[in-house]
Structures are given as C-alpha cells and as structure tokens.
Amino acid sequence: MHLGHRAVLRELFAAAARHHARACVLTFDPAPTAVVAPERHQPRIQTRTARVNELRAAGVHIVVVEPFTPEFAAQSAEQFVNDVLLDRLDAYALVVGHDFRFGNMRAGDAASIRAIAPTMELIEVPALRDESGPISSSRIRRAVAAGEVEQAARLLGRPFSLSGLIVHGDQRARTLGFPTANLVAEEELRPAYGVYAGHVDLRWGPPAKAVINVGVRPTVGGEKYLVEAHIFGFAGNLYGRTARVMLEHRLRDERKFPSLDALAAQIREDAAQAVAVLG
C-alpha cells in the first residue's frame, strides 16, 4: 500500500458509490512473481496481515486474498474475467492501475476486459507521479534497502514499518542500561542495517518513541537478523506480544565497536539524537 494504491482506492470508492455496491479489493498471496518467476521476485513491503488491515482501515468493505497457485496462474484472461470477476465477485466495475495485466502469461489487459465484459465499467487509474517519476513499489524497495526511510515514508504516505513477535534476547542491552524489545520481523523487505529513530506500536495507547537497531549486532558477535527497540520511558514485560516498529529517521550505520563500553557510549548518543529528532 503506497500513495499510488490510495489513488486507485479513491476511484474504487467512487465507483462503489455510483453502483450502490460494496468496495472490494482482490489481492494475491503469495505474490504472483514468487510463483511464476521466482528469479524475478522482489521482497514484499508489507505482510499479508498488514496489507489487509490497512485496506480495511482505508474503508474497503471486502478484501479477498486469493491463493496464487500455478493452476490459478494458468487461467486464460477470459477465464479470470468470467469465473473470478463476474461469477465469484459479481463485479459491476473494475478499477485497475495503469500497468494492469492478468491471465496466463499476462496476456490480458484493459482492452481484453472491455471485449470480454463490455457491460462492466472499467476505470484505469494513471500512475501517480512526483518530481522523480511514477510512485512505485520498486522505488520504495530501493529507498528502504538504502536506509532512506524518510523518502520511503513520502512514497508510502506513512512510515515504513516492521512487525512481528517480541522474543527473549541475550539481555546484554539491559546490562548496558538500555533494555530493548527484540522483534522477529515478518516482512520480506529488510531495511539497511543501522540505527533509526521511530515509534513502536504496542497495540494499546499511542505509539511510543524509540531508538531502534536493525541488523546483526557485530560488536557482540551476532549473526542473526534482529530488530531491537529501546522504548523511552517503558519498563514493562512485552515478551510474546506482537508489535509494529516504525522507522522514521536514520541515525547511522550499524558498525562494530572495540568494546562494550564504547558501544554503550554510542547508544547513549543515539538515544539523545533520537529524542531530538522525534521531538
């Protein structure tokens, strides 16, 4: 879900109102490229759960998550329109992006839909653009992978976030004076390793300010990818809970320090900088 998708949703809501129908979004899981062209598959920016939740929060009445299998991919364009859009979803109108393709070998396009279902309204939404070109998932992936989370937020319309279960760590951060919530992130897309300022949504109350390390913790010989968030002013037990960590400002690269004392001194600087940039 990014600003381009929200432009499509605005047209969807308008079409639903015209037809006195419910707004429905059809999405696929796994991503089609993961099935038909795994060598070209790019990591998804959101988990399926986050995507569905954001669509529902935006006002979509029905979200259909279609299991994307080789058999589903083998459908012809005509089968997809007749069996899925018309028979199953009883669609009065279809709203698609500018580069929409469907059916076996991506053979179907807007012209195909008009030929197969001439009575169904078809709305093609042009690409939403900014000064650098069309807003796309590819641009967001590049920004996140480079650690440019401010740029990613401008394209998403919200901060890039990581979500998952909070697990037990090695307690080393606590001995340094900065206890952390250790998150096993579920997103396929990994941001550049480093230290970030942001917020943590604990599913109750407003999101809390935090300084967040994303990476493998090279100073202590870590090898496993982990998201560690020191939540300012919080001292409760979060183990076993799910949380969402929002990365809003990149502070520095992750790096190896010569000692734990040097690491602790840097963490104090990181925390002070996070407080300053978050306000």
Foldseek 3Di string as FASTA:
>chain_A
DWPQVVLLVVVQVVVCVVVVHAREAEEEPPDQCVAPPVVPDDFDLDDPVVVVVVVVVSPHPYYHYHYDHPVQQQFAPLCCCVVPVCPPVVAQEDGEEPPDFGHHVSPHDPVNNCVNPVRRHYHYDYFDADPVGGLDPVVLLVCQQAVVQQVNCVGRVHFRKFKAFFADDPCPCVVLVFAWGKGDTPTRRHGAFAKFWWFKAQPDDDTFTWIKGFDQQPQVPGDDTIIITRGPPDDDDRHGGMMMTGGNGGDTHDDHDPDVVVVSVVVVVSVVVSVVVVD
